[in-house]
Amino acid sequence: MSHLWQLSASEIADAVRSKKLSAVEVTKSHLDRLHTVNPVLNAVVQEFPEEALAAAQAVDNKIANGEDPGSLCGVPVTTKVNVDQKGHATTNGLKWNRGYRNLRCPHLACPD
């Protein structure tokens, strides 16, 4: 399958869970697509490919160990820059916010 980025979320999760695809290869396909179209679209302003690949590898490891990888295992997602994310600035797309960390955020996904 050459265009894994065209699969639906449920198709990806089913294929990853059944080991027809690895979460890493799905993630690489999505990253390749991002690098192809984003220079024109500029839809993604911050990329964390190493984190995406590490998360995908963790999913593949869970599956290999017989653990439950979760219902959307292997499905790549993007998160807007106005959402607090652990370890990353919440920039709201503004350069002057590049160092902002919401330290009082009560959510798991928030910065340390």
PDB file of N, CA and C in Angstrom:
ATOM      1  N   MET A   1       0.839  -1.170   0.000  1.00  0.00           N
ATOM      2  CA  MET A   1       0.000   0.000   0.000  1.00  0.00           C
ATOM      3  C   MET A   1       0.889   1.241   0.000  1.00  0.00           C
ATOM      4  N   SER A   2       0.842   2.026  -1.047  1.00  0.00           N
ATOM      5  CA  SER A   2       1.761   3.158  -1.153  1.00  0.00           C
ATOM      6  C   SER A   2       1.218   4.440  -0.538  1.00  0.00           C
ATOM      7  N   HIS A   3      -0.083   4.569  -0.404  1.00  0.00           N
ATOM      8  CA  HIS A   3      -0.670   5.806   0.116  1.00  0.00           C
ATOM      9  C   HIS A   3      -1.412   5.534   1.421  1.00  0.00           C
ATOM     10  N   LEU A   4      -0.669   5.179   2.430  1.00  0.00           N
ATOM     11  CA  LEU A   4      -1.283   4.849   3.713  1.00  0.00           C
ATOM     12  C   LEU A   4      -1.999   6.047   4.316  1.00  0.00           C
ATOM     13  N   TRP A   5      -1.562   7.239   3.974  1.00  0.00           N
ATOM     14  CA  TRP A   5      -2.185   8.459   4.499  1.00  0.00           C
ATOM     15  C   TRP A   5      -3.625   8.622   4.008  1.00  0.00           C
ATOM     16  N   GLN A   6      -4.029   7.858   3.007  1.00  0.00           N
ATOM     17  CA  GLN A   6      -5.392   7.951   2.486  1.00  0.00           C
ATOM     18  C   GLN A   6      -6.372   7.048   3.231  1.00  0.00           C
ATOM     19  N   LEU A   7      -5.883   6.166   4.079  1.00  0.00           N
ATOM     20  CA  LEU A   7      -6.753   5.253   4.815  1.00  0.00           C
ATOM     21  C   LEU A   7      -7.508   5.998   5.918  1.00  0.00           C
ATOM     22  N   SER A   8      -8.681   5.497   6.254  1.00  0.00           N
ATOM     23  CA  SER A   8      -9.449   6.074   7.359  1.00  0.00           C
ATOM     24  C   SER A   8      -8.803   5.672   8.684  1.00  0.00           C
ATOM     25  N   ALA A   9      -9.197   6.351   9.747  1.00  0.00           N
ATOM     26  CA  ALA A   9      -8.673   6.038  11.075  1.00  0.00           C
ATOM     27  C   ALA A   9      -8.978   4.596  11.467  1.00  0.00           C
ATOM     28  N   SER A  10     -10.188   4.144  11.191  1.00  0.00           N
ATOM     29  CA  SER A  10     -10.535   2.764  11.565  1.00  0.00           C
ATOM     30  C   SER A  10      -9.764   1.756  10.717  1.00  0.00           C
ATOM     31  N   GLU A  11      -9.535   2.062   9.446  1.00  0.00           N
ATOM     32  CA  GLU A  11      -8.740   1.156   8.605  1.00  0.00           C
ATOM     33  C   GLU A  11      -7.306   1.065   9.117  1.00  0.00           C
ATOM     34  N   ILE A  12      -6.748   2.198   9.511  1.00  0.00           N
ATOM     35  CA  ILE A  12      -5.383   2.194  10.044  1.00  0.00           C
ATOM     36  C   ILE A  12      -5.320   1.399  11.337  1.00  0.00           C
ATOM     37  N   ALA A  13      -6.211   1.693  12.264  1.00  0.00           N
ATOM     38  CA  ALA A  13      -6.188   1.003  13.557  1.00  0.00           C
ATOM     39  C   ALA A  13      -6.361  -0.500  13.392  1.00  0.00           C
ATOM     40  N   ASP A  14      -7.278  -0.911  12.529  1.00  0.00           N
ATOM     41  CA  ASP A  14      -7.490  -2.344  12.290  1.00  0.00           C
ATOM     42  C   ASP A  14      -6.245  -2.994  11.687  1.00  0.00           C
ATOM     43  N   ALA A  15      -5.625  -2.316  10.718  1.00  0.00           N
ATOM     44  CA  ALA A  15      -4.442  -2.869  10.054  1.00  0.00           C
ATOM     45  C   ALA A  15      -3.253  -2.942  11.003  1.00  0.00           C
ATOM     46  N   VAL A  16      -3.103  -1.942  11.853  1.00  0.00           N
ATOM     47  CA  VAL A  16      -1.994  -1.943  12.817  1.00  0.00           C
ATOM     48  C   VAL A  16      -2.232  -3.021  13.880  1.00  0.00           C
ATOM     49  N   ARG A  17      -3.450  -3.091  14.399  1.00  0.00           N
ATOM     50  CA  ARG A  17      -3.766  -4.080  15.428  1.00  0.00           C
ATOM     51  C   ARG A  17      -3.563  -5.505  14.913  1.00  0.00           C
ATOM     52  N   SER A  18      -3.894  -5.727  13.632  1.00  0.00           N
ATOM     53  CA  SER A  18      -3.763  -7.065  13.054  1.00  0.00           C
ATOM     54  C   SER A  18      -2.372  -7.319  12.465  1.00  0.00           C
ATOM     55  N   LYS A  19      -1.482  -6.360  12.610  1.00  0.00           N
ATOM     56  CA  LYS A  19      -0.086  -6.445  12.154  1.00  0.00           C
ATOM     57  C   LYS A  19       0.052  -6.483  10.627  1.00  0.00           C
ATOM     58  N   LYS A  20      -0.988  -6.058   9.914  1.00  0.00           N
ATOM     59  CA  LYS A  20      -0.861  -5.920   8.465  1.00  0.00           C
ATOM     60  C   LYS A  20       0.017  -4.717   8.136  1.00  0.00           C
ATOM     61  N   LEU A  21      -0.014  -3.732   9.015  1.00  0.00           N
ATOM     62  CA  LEU A  21       0.826  -2.543   8.913  1.00  0.00           C
ATOM     63  C   LEU A  21       1.438  -2.281  10.276  1.00  0.00           C
ATOM     64  N   SER A  22       2.572  -1.617  10.288  1.00  0.00           N
ATOM     65  CA  SER A  22       3.126  -1.177  11.564  1.00  0.00           C
ATOM     66  C   SER A  22       2.757   0.291  11.763  1.00  0.00           C
ATOM     67  N   ALA A  23       2.654   0.689  13.014  1.00  0.00           N
ATOM     68  CA  ALA A  23       2.369   2.089  13.312  1.00  0.00           C
ATOM     69  C   ALA A  23       3.492   2.980  12.794  1.00  0.00           C
ATOM     70  N   VAL A  24       4.713   2.470  12.816  1.00  0.00           N
ATOM     71  CA  VAL A  24       5.853   3.252  12.320  1.00  0.00           C
ATOM     72  C   VAL A  24       5.721   3.513  10.829  1.00  0.00           C
ATOM     73  N   GLU A  25       5.365   2.497  10.037  1.00  0.00           N
ATOM     74  CA  GLU A  25       5.255   2.739   8.597  1.00  0.00           C
ATOM     75  C   GLU A  25       4.086   3.668   8.272  1.00  0.00           C
ATOM     76  N   VAL A  26       3.008   3.583   9.043  1.00  0.00           N
ATOM     77  CA  VAL A  26       1.881   4.500   8.841  1.00  0.00           C
ATOM     78  C   VAL A  26       2.322   5.928   9.149  1.00  0.00           C
ATOM     79  N   THR A  27       3.031   6.098  10.244  1.00  0.00           N
ATOM     80  CA  THR A  27       3.501   7.427  10.640  1.00  0.00           C
ATOM     81  C   THR A  27       4.470   7.989   9.608  1.00  0.00           C
ATOM     82  N   LYS A  28       5.379   7.170   9.124  1.00  0.00           N
ATOM     83  CA  LYS A  28       6.310   7.632   8.090  1.00  0.00           C
ATOM     84  C   LYS A  28       5.565   8.067   6.838  1.00  0.00           C
ATOM     85  N   SER A  29       4.534   7.338   6.460  1.00  0.00           N
ATOM     86  CA  SER A  29       3.741   7.706   5.290  1.00  0.00           C
ATOM     87  C   SER A  29       3.090   9.076   5.488  1.00  0.00           C
ATOM     88  N   HIS A  30       2.532   9.292   6.685  1.00  0.00           N
ATOM     89  CA  HIS A  30       1.900  10.572   6.971  1.00  0.00           C
ATOM     90  C   HIS A  30       2.924  11.707   7.012  1.00  0.00           C
ATOM     91  N   LEU A  31       4.083  11.454   7.574  1.00  0.00           N
ATOM     92  CA  LEU A  31       5.134  12.471   7.598  1.00  0.00           C
ATOM     93  C   LEU A  31       5.618  12.794   6.183  1.00  0.00           C
ATOM     94  N   ASP A  32       5.752  11.775   5.348  1.00  0.00           N
ATOM     95  CA  ASP A  32       6.141  12.015   3.955  1.00  0.00           C
ATOM     96  C   ASP A  32       5.109  12.880   3.246  1.00  0.00           C
ATOM     97  N   ARG A  33       3.833  12.589   3.478  1.00  0.00           N
ATOM     98  CA  ARG A  33       2.765  13.379   2.868  1.00  0.00           C
ATOM     99  C   ARG A  33       2.797  14.820   3.388  1.00  0.00           C
ATOM    100  N   LEU A  34       3.022  14.971   4.673  1.00  0.00           N
ATOM    101  CA  LEU A  34       3.129  16.303   5.253  1.00  0.00           C
ATOM    102  C   LEU A  34       4.238  17.101   4.579  1.00  0.00           C
ATOM    103  N   HIS A  35       5.390  16.481   4.373  1.00  0.00           N
ATOM    104  CA  HIS A  35       6.511  17.180   3.747  1.00  0.00           C
ATOM    105  C   HIS A  35       6.242  17.497   2.279  1.00  0.00           C
ATOM    106  N   THR A  36       5.347  16.734   1.655  1.00  0.00           N
ATOM    107  CA  THR A  36       5.000  16.994   0.258  1.00  0.00           C
ATOM    108  C   THR A  36       4.044  18.176   0.127  1.00  0.00           C
ATOM    109  N   VAL A  37       3.021  18.231   0.974  1.00  0.00           N
ATOM    110  CA  VAL A  37       1.966  19.245   0.790  1.00  0.00           C
ATOM    111  C   VAL A  37       2.102  20.461   1.697  1.00  0.00           C
ATOM    112  N   ASN A  38       2.760  20.334   2.828  1.00  0.00           N
ATOM    113  CA  ASN A  38       2.789  21.449   3.763  1.00  0.00           C
ATOM    114  C   ASN A  38       3.542  22.683   3.274  1.00  0.00           C
ATOM    115  N   PRO A  39       4.581  22.564   2.449  1.00  0.00           N
ATOM    116  CA  PRO A  39       5.220  23.789   1.963  1.00  0.00           C
ATOM    117  C   PRO A  39       4.253  24.724   1.221  1.00  0.00           C
ATOM    118  N   VAL A  40       3.243  24.153   0.589  1.00  0.00           N
ATOM    119  CA  VAL A  40       2.245  24.969  -0.111  1.00  0.00           C
ATOM    120  C   VAL A  40       1.132  25.392   0.841  1.00  0.00           C
ATOM    121  N   LEU A  41       0.665  24.473   1.669  1.00  0.00           N
ATOM    122  CA  LEU A  41      -0.471  24.742   2.551  1.00  0.00           C
ATOM    123  C   LEU A  41      -0.102  25.528   3.812  1.00  0.00           C
ATOM    124  N   ASN A  42       1.064  25.255   4.358  1.00  0.00           N
ATOM    125  CA  ASN A  42       1.498  25.811   5.628  1.00  0.00           C
ATOM    126  C   ASN A  42       0.444  25.566   6.716  1.00  0.00           C
ATOM    127  N   ALA A  43      -0.114  24.370   6.720  1.00  0.00           N
ATOM    128  CA  ALA A  43      -1.150  24.006   7.692  1.00  0.00           C
ATOM    129  C   ALA A  43      -0.540  23.578   9.020  1.00  0.00           C
ATOM    130  N   VAL A  44       0.640  22.998   8.995  1.00  0.00           N
ATOM    131  CA  VAL A  44       1.318  22.543  10.200  1.00  0.00           C
ATOM    132  C   VAL A  44       2.514  23.457  10.424  1.00  0.00           C
ATOM    133  N   VAL A  45       2.476  24.201  11.542  1.00  0.00           N
ATOM    134  CA  VAL A  45       3.535  25.186  11.777  1.00  0.00           C
ATOM    135  C   VAL A  45       4.612  24.690  12.730  1.00  0.00           C
ATOM    136  N   GLN A  46       4.335  23.592  13.453  1.00  0.00           N
ATOM    137  CA  GLN A  46       5.334  22.955  14.297  1.00  0.00           C
ATOM    138  C   GLN A  46       5.264  21.456  14.040  1.00  0.00           C
ATOM    139  N   GLU A  47       6.413  20.865  13.807  1.00  0.00           N
ATOM    140  CA  GLU A  47       6.464  19.423  13.576  1.00  0.00           C
ATOM    141  C   GLU A  47       7.306  18.761  14.657  1.00  0.00           C
ATOM    142  N   PHE A  48       6.884  17.579  15.063  1.00  0.00           N
ATOM    143  CA  PHE A  48       7.622  16.796  16.042  1.00  0.00           C
ATOM    144  C   PHE A  48       7.742  15.366  15.524  1.00  0.00           C
ATOM    145  N   PRO A  49       8.450  15.174  14.407  1.00  0.00           N
ATOM    146  CA  PRO A  49       8.509  13.846  13.798  1.00  0.00           C
ATOM    147  C   PRO A  49       9.169  12.793  14.686  1.00  0.00           C
ATOM    148  N   GLU A  50      10.168  13.187  15.465  1.00  0.00           N
ATOM    149  CA  GLU A  50      10.823  12.207  16.333  1.00  0.00           C
ATOM    150  C   GLU A  50       9.842  11.688  17.381  1.00  0.00           C
ATOM    151  N   GLU A  51       9.034  12.583  17.941  1.00  0.00           N
ATOM    152  CA  GLU A  51       8.044  12.171  18.933  1.00  0.00           C
ATOM    153  C   GLU A  51       6.972  11.290  18.296  1.00  0.00           C
ATOM    154  N   ALA A  52       6.571  11.636  17.082  1.00  0.00           N
ATOM    155  CA  ALA A  52       5.553  10.836  16.383  1.00  0.00           C
ATOM    156  C   ALA A  52       6.070   9.426  16.134  1.00  0.00           C
ATOM    157  N   LEU A  53       7.311   9.328  15.680  1.00  0.00           N
ATOM    158  CA  LEU A  53       7.886   8.006  15.408  1.00  0.00           C
ATOM    159  C   LEU A  53       8.102   7.212  16.698  1.00  0.00           C
ATOM    160  N   ALA A  54       8.485   7.889  17.770  1.00  0.00           N
ATOM    161  CA  ALA A  54       8.658   7.203  19.060  1.00  0.00           C
ATOM    162  C   ALA A  54       7.317   6.687  19.574  1.00  0.00           C
ATOM    163  N   ALA A  55       6.275   7.486  19.420  1.00  0.00           N
ATOM    164  CA  ALA A  55       4.938   7.049  19.853  1.00  0.00           C
ATOM    165  C   ALA A  55       4.468   5.862  19.017  1.00  0.00           C
ATOM    166  N   ALA A  56       4.754   5.909  17.718  1.00  0.00           N
ATOM    167  CA  ALA A  56       4.383   4.800  16.828  1.00  0.00           C
ATOM    168  C   ALA A  56       5.135   3.538  17.213  1.00  0.00           C
ATOM    169  N   GLN A  57       6.412   3.675  17.529  1.00  0.00           N
ATOM    170  CA  GLN A  57       7.203   2.514  17.945  1.00  0.00           C
ATOM    171  C   GLN A  57       6.655   1.933  19.245  1.00  0.00           C
ATOM    172  N   ALA A  58       6.194   2.803  20.142  1.00  0.00           N
ATOM    173  CA  ALA A  58       5.603   2.326  21.400  1.00  0.00           C
ATOM    174  C   ALA A  58       4.340   1.514  21.129  1.00  0.00           C
ATOM    175  N   VAL A  59       3.546   1.935  20.160  1.00  0.00           N
ATOM    176  CA  VAL A  59       2.350   1.175  19.777  1.00  0.00           C
ATOM    177  C   VAL A  59       2.758  -0.190  19.224  1.00  0.00           C
ATOM    178  N   ASP A  60       3.725  -0.189  18.323  1.00  0.00           N
ATOM    179  CA  ASP A  60       4.198  -1.464  17.755  1.00  0.00           C
ATOM    180  C   ASP A  60       4.746  -2.385  18.840  1.00  0.00           C
ATOM    181  N   ASN A  61       5.440  -1.822  19.814  1.00  0.00           N
ATOM    182  CA  ASN A  61       5.976  -2.626  20.917  1.00  0.00           C
ATOM    183  C   ASN A  61       4.860  -3.238  21.754  1.00  0.00           C
ATOM    184  N   LYS A  62       3.821  -2.443  22.033  1.00  0.00           N
ATOM    185  CA  LYS A  62       2.685  -2.977  22.801  1.00  0.00           C
ATOM    186  C   LYS A  62       2.056  -4.158  22.071  1.00  0.00           C
ATOM    187  N   ILE A  63       1.860  -3.999  20.780  1.00  0.00           N
ATOM    188  CA  ILE A  63       1.249  -5.073  19.993  1.00  0.00           C
ATOM    189  C   ILE A  63       2.140  -6.313  20.012  1.00  0.00           C
ATOM    190  N   ALA A  64       3.434  -6.111  19.836  1.00  0.00           N
ATOM    191  CA  ALA A  64       4.379  -7.225  19.847  1.00  0.00           C
ATOM    192  C   ALA A  64       4.383  -7.950  21.191  1.00  0.00           C
ATOM    193  N   ASN A  65       4.101  -7.214  22.266  1.00  0.00           N
ATOM    194  CA  ASN A  65       4.091  -7.803  23.610  1.00  0.00           C
ATOM    195  C   ASN A  65       2.718  -8.312  24.018  1.00  0.00           C
ATOM    196  N   GLY A  66       1.762  -8.275  23.093  1.00  0.00           N
ATOM    197  CA  GLY A  66       0.431  -8.775  23.384  1.00  0.00           C
ATOM    198  C   GLY A  66      -0.410  -7.844  24.237  1.00  0.00           C
ATOM    199  N   GLU A  67       0.010  -6.596  24.353  1.00  0.00           N
ATOM    200  CA  GLU A  67      -0.734  -5.615  25.149  1.00  0.00           C
ATOM    201  C   GLU A  67      -1.774  -4.917  24.280  1.00  0.00           C
ATOM    202  N   ASP A  68      -2.774  -4.356  24.920  1.00  0.00           N
ATOM    203  CA  ASP A  68      -3.812  -3.600  24.218  1.00  0.00           C
ATOM    204  C   ASP A  68      -3.255  -2.227  23.836  1.00  0.00           C
ATOM    205  N   PRO A  69      -3.157  -1.931  22.544  1.00  0.00           N
ATOM    206  CA  PRO A  69      -2.591  -0.652  22.112  1.00  0.00           C
ATOM    207  C   PRO A  69      -3.595   0.497  22.109  1.00  0.00           C
ATOM    208  N   GLY A  70      -4.856   0.223  22.405  1.00  0.00           N
ATOM    209  CA  GLY A  70      -5.881   1.260  22.392  1.00  0.00           C
ATOM    210  C   GLY A  70      -6.684   1.236  21.113  1.00  0.00           C
ATOM    211  N   SER A  71      -7.825   1.874  21.149  1.00  0.00           N
ATOM    212  CA  SER A  71      -8.759   1.780  20.023  1.00  0.00           C
ATOM    213  C   SER A  71      -8.289   2.500  18.763  1.00  0.00           C
ATOM    214  N   LEU A  72      -7.498   3.547  18.895  1.00  0.00           N
ATOM    215  CA  LEU A  72      -7.003   4.268  17.714  1.00  0.00           C
ATOM    216  C   LEU A  72      -5.504   4.054  17.513  1.00  0.00           C
ATOM    217  N   CYS A  73      -5.053   2.866  17.847  1.00  0.00           N
ATOM    218  CA  CYS A  73      -3.626   2.572  17.748  1.00  0.00           C
ATOM    219  C   CYS A  73      -3.089   2.821  16.348  1.00  0.00           C
ATOM    220  N   GLY A  74      -1.987   3.543  16.295  1.00  0.00           N
ATOM    221  CA  GLY A  74      -1.318   3.778  15.024  1.00  0.00           C
ATOM    222  C   GLY A  74      -1.900   4.889  14.177  1.00  0.00           C
ATOM    223  N   VAL A  75      -2.938   5.561  14.660  1.00  0.00           N
ATOM    224  CA  VAL A  75      -3.572   6.621  13.879  1.00  0.00           C
ATOM    225  C   VAL A  75      -2.871   7.949  14.180  1.00  0.00           C
ATOM    226  N   PRO A  76      -2.147   8.501  13.211  1.00  0.00           N
ATOM    227  CA  PRO A  76      -1.483   9.792  13.436  1.00  0.00           C
ATOM    228  C   PRO A  76      -2.509  10.926  13.552  1.00  0.00           C
ATOM    229  N   VAL A  77      -2.204  11.877  14.407  1.00  0.00           N
ATOM    230  CA  VAL A  77      -3.056  13.052  14.576  1.00  0.00           C
ATOM    231  C   VAL A  77      -2.193  14.308  14.603  1.00  0.00           C
ATOM    232  N   THR A  78      -2.830  15.428  14.332  1.00  0.00           N
ATOM    233  CA  THR A  78      -2.165  16.710  14.529  1.00  0.00           C
ATOM    234  C   THR A  78      -2.914  17.450  15.632  1.00  0.00           C
ATOM    235  N   THR A  79      -2.193  18.306  16.321  1.00  0.00           N
ATOM    236  CA  THR A  79      -2.775  19.108  17.381  1.00  0.00           C
ATOM    237  C   THR A  79      -2.454  20.565  17.086  1.00  0.00           C
ATOM    238  N   LYS A  80      -3.451  21.421  17.185  1.00  0.00           N
ATOM    239  CA  LYS A  80      -3.243  22.842  16.925  1.00  0.00           C
ATOM    240  C   LYS A  80      -2.302  23.450  17.957  1.00  0.00           C
ATOM    241  N   VAL A  81      -1.620  24.512  17.570  1.00  0.00           N
ATOM    242  CA  VAL A  81      -0.653  25.159  18.456  1.00  0.00           C
ATOM    243  C   VAL A  81      -1.314  26.026  19.523  1.00  0.00           C
ATOM    244  N   ASN A  82      -2.647  26.013  19.588  1.00  0.00           N
ATOM    245  CA  ASN A  82      -3.333  26.731  20.663  1.00  0.00           C
ATOM    246  C   ASN A  82      -3.807  25.772  21.754  1.00  0.00           C
ATOM    247  N   VAL A  83      -3.341  24.525  21.692  1.00  0.00           N
ATOM    248  CA  VAL A  83      -3.685  23.511  22.684  1.00  0.00           C
ATOM    249  C   VAL A  83      -2.423  23.192  23.485  1.00  0.00           C
ATOM    250  N   ASP A  84      -2.538  23.225  24.810  1.00  0.00           N
ATOM    251  CA  ASP A  84      -1.390  22.912  25.660  1.00  0.00           C
ATOM    252  C   ASP A  84      -0.943  21.475  25.421  1.00  0.00           C
ATOM    253  N   GLN A  85       0.366  21.302  25.212  1.00  0.00           N
ATOM    254  CA  GLN A  85       0.952  19.982  24.989  1.00  0.00           C
ATOM    255  C   GLN A  85       2.174  19.840  25.874  1.00  0.00           C
ATOM    256  N   LYS A  86       2.271  18.722  26.530  1.00  0.00           N
ATOM    257  CA  LYS A  86       3.380  18.482  27.439  1.00  0.00           C
ATOM    258  C   LYS A  86       4.718  18.669  26.722  1.00  0.00           C
ATOM    259  N   GLY A  87       5.556  19.512  27.286  1.00  0.00           N
ATOM    260  CA  GLY A  87       6.894  19.714  26.754  1.00  0.00           C
ATOM    261  C   GLY A  87       6.998  20.680  25.593  1.00  0.00           C
ATOM    262  N   HIS A  88       5.893  21.324  25.210  1.00  0.00           N
ATOM    263  CA  HIS A  88       5.923  22.238  24.064  1.00  0.00           C
ATOM    264  C   HIS A  88       5.235  23.551  24.405  1.00  0.00           C
ATOM    265  N   ALA A  89       5.701  24.599  23.774  1.00  0.00           N
ATOM    266  CA  ALA A  89       5.089  25.911  23.971  1.00  0.00           C
ATOM    267  C   ALA A  89       3.700  25.947  23.341  1.00  0.00           C
ATOM    268  N   THR A  90       2.810  26.684  23.980  1.00  0.00           N
ATOM    269  CA  THR A  90       1.490  26.942  23.421  1.00  0.00           C
ATOM    270  C   THR A  90       1.585  28.296  22.739  1.00  0.00           C
ATOM    271  N   THR A  91       1.915  28.286  21.456  1.00  0.00           N
ATOM    272  CA  THR A  91       2.241  29.536  20.761  1.00  0.00           C
ATOM    273  C   THR A  91       1.043  30.273  20.200  1.00  0.00           C
ATOM    274  N   ASN A  92      -0.057  29.584  19.993  1.00  0.00           N
ATOM    275  CA  ASN A  92      -1.207  30.186  19.315  1.00  0.00           C
ATOM    276  C   ASN A  92      -0.802  30.750  17.956  1.00  0.00           C
ATOM    277  N   GLY A  93       0.261  30.201  17.392  1.00  0.00           N
ATOM    278  CA  GLY A  93       0.735  30.637  16.083  1.00  0.00           C
ATOM    279  C   GLY A  93       1.510  31.947  16.108  1.00  0.00           C
ATOM    280  N   LEU A  94       1.860  32.423  17.281  1.00  0.00           N
ATOM    281  CA  LEU A  94       2.545  33.709  17.422  1.00  0.00           C
ATOM    282  C   LEU A  94       4.000  33.492  17.808  1.00  0.00           C
ATOM    283  N   LYS A  95       4.912  34.108  17.065  1.00  0.00           N
ATOM    284  CA  LYS A  95       6.341  33.933  17.333  1.00  0.00           C
ATOM    285  C   LYS A  95       6.725  34.380  18.739  1.00  0.00           C
ATOM    286  N   TRP A  96       6.117  35.446  19.238  1.00  0.00           N
ATOM    287  CA  TRP A  96       6.494  35.939  20.565  1.00  0.00           C
ATOM    288  C   TRP A  96       6.019  35.018  21.685  1.00  0.00           C
ATOM    289  N   ASN A  97       5.208  34.012  21.387  1.00  0.00           N
ATOM    290  CA  ASN A  97       4.788  33.017  22.384  1.00  0.00           C
ATOM    291  C   ASN A  97       5.628  31.744  22.330  1.00  0.00           C
ATOM    292  N   ARG A  98       6.705  31.750  21.570  1.00  0.00           N
ATOM    293  CA  ARG A  98       7.448  30.506  21.349  1.00  0.00           C
ATOM    294  C   ARG A  98       7.986  29.868  22.627  1.00  0.00           C
ATOM    295  N   GLY A  99       8.097  30.618  23.719  1.00  0.00           N
ATOM    296  CA  GLY A  99       8.568  30.041  24.969  1.00  0.00           C
ATOM    297  C   GLY A  99       7.481  29.881  26.021  1.00  0.00           C
ATOM    298  N   TYR A 100       6.226  30.176  25.671  1.00  0.00           N
ATOM    299  CA  TYR A 100       5.144  30.144  26.653  1.00  0.00           C
ATOM    300  C   TYR A 100       4.803  28.716  27.064  1.00  0.00           C
ATOM    301  N   ARG A 101       4.751  28.501  28.373  1.00  0.00           N
ATOM    302  CA  ARG A 101       4.326  27.221  28.931  1.00  0.00           C
ATOM    303  C   ARG A 101       3.231  27.505  29.956  1.00  0.00           C
ATOM    304  N   ASN A 102       2.092  26.878  29.815  1.00  0.00           N
ATOM    305  CA  ASN A 102       0.996  27.045  30.760  1.00  0.00           C
ATOM    306  C   ASN A 102       1.227  26.094  31.925  1.00  0.00           C
ATOM    307  N   LEU A 103       1.902  26.565  32.937  1.00  0.00           N
ATOM    308  CA  LEU A 103       2.289  25.711  34.061  1.00  0.00           C
ATOM    309  C   LEU A 103       1.130  25.394  34.993  1.00  0.00           C
ATOM    310  N   ARG A 104       0.021  26.106  34.874  1.00  0.00           N
ATOM    311  CA  ARG A 104      -1.129  25.849  35.737  1.00  0.00           C
ATOM    312  C   ARG A 104      -2.177  24.979  35.064  1.00  0.00           C
ATOM    313  N   CYS A 105      -1.899  24.491  33.891  1.00  0.00           N
ATOM    314  CA  CYS A 105      -2.870  23.703  33.140  1.00  0.00           C
ATOM    315  C   CYS A 105      -3.124  22.375  33.859  1.00  0.00           C
ATOM    316  N   PRO A 106      -4.394  22.029  34.101  1.00  0.00           N
ATOM    317  CA  PRO A 106      -4.704  20.803  34.838  1.00  0.00           C
ATOM    318  C   PRO A 106      -4.744  19.544  33.979  1.00  0.00           C
ATOM    319  N   HIS A 107      -4.496  19.657  32.698  1.00  0.00           N
ATOM    320  CA  HIS A 107      -4.642  18.523  31.799  1.00  0.00           C
ATOM    321  C   HIS A 107      -3.355  17.714  31.671  1.00  0.00           C
ATOM    322  N   LEU A 108      -3.515  16.434  31.395  1.00  0.00           N
ATOM    323  CA  LEU A 108      -2.361  15.551  31.212  1.00  0.00           C
ATOM    324  C   LEU A 108      -1.448  15.997  30.094  1.00  0.00           C
ATOM    325  N   ALA A 109      -2.019  16.576  29.049  1.00  0.00           N
ATOM    326  CA  ALA A 109      -1.232  16.926  27.873  1.00  0.00           C
ATOM    327  C   ALA A 109      -0.445  18.218  28.057  1.00  0.00           C
ATOM    328  N   CYS A 110      -0.540  18.831  29.184  1.00  0.00           N
ATOM    329  CA  CYS A 110       0.104  20.133  29.402  1.00  0.00           C
ATOM    330  C   CYS A 110       1.595  19.994  29.683  1.00  0.00           C
ATOM    331  N   PRO A 111       2.303  21.128  29.565  1.00  0.00           N
ATOM    332  CA  PRO A 111       3.752  21.111  29.813  1.00  0.00           C
ATOM    333  C   PRO A 111       4.085  20.710  31.241  1.00  0.00           C
ATOM    334  N   ASP A 112       5.302  20.262  31.423  1.00  0.00           N
ATOM    335  CA  ASP A 112       5.792  19.917  32.772  1.00  0.00           C
ATOM    336  C   ASP A 112       5.853  21.155  33.627  1.00  0.00           C
TER     337      ASP A 112
END
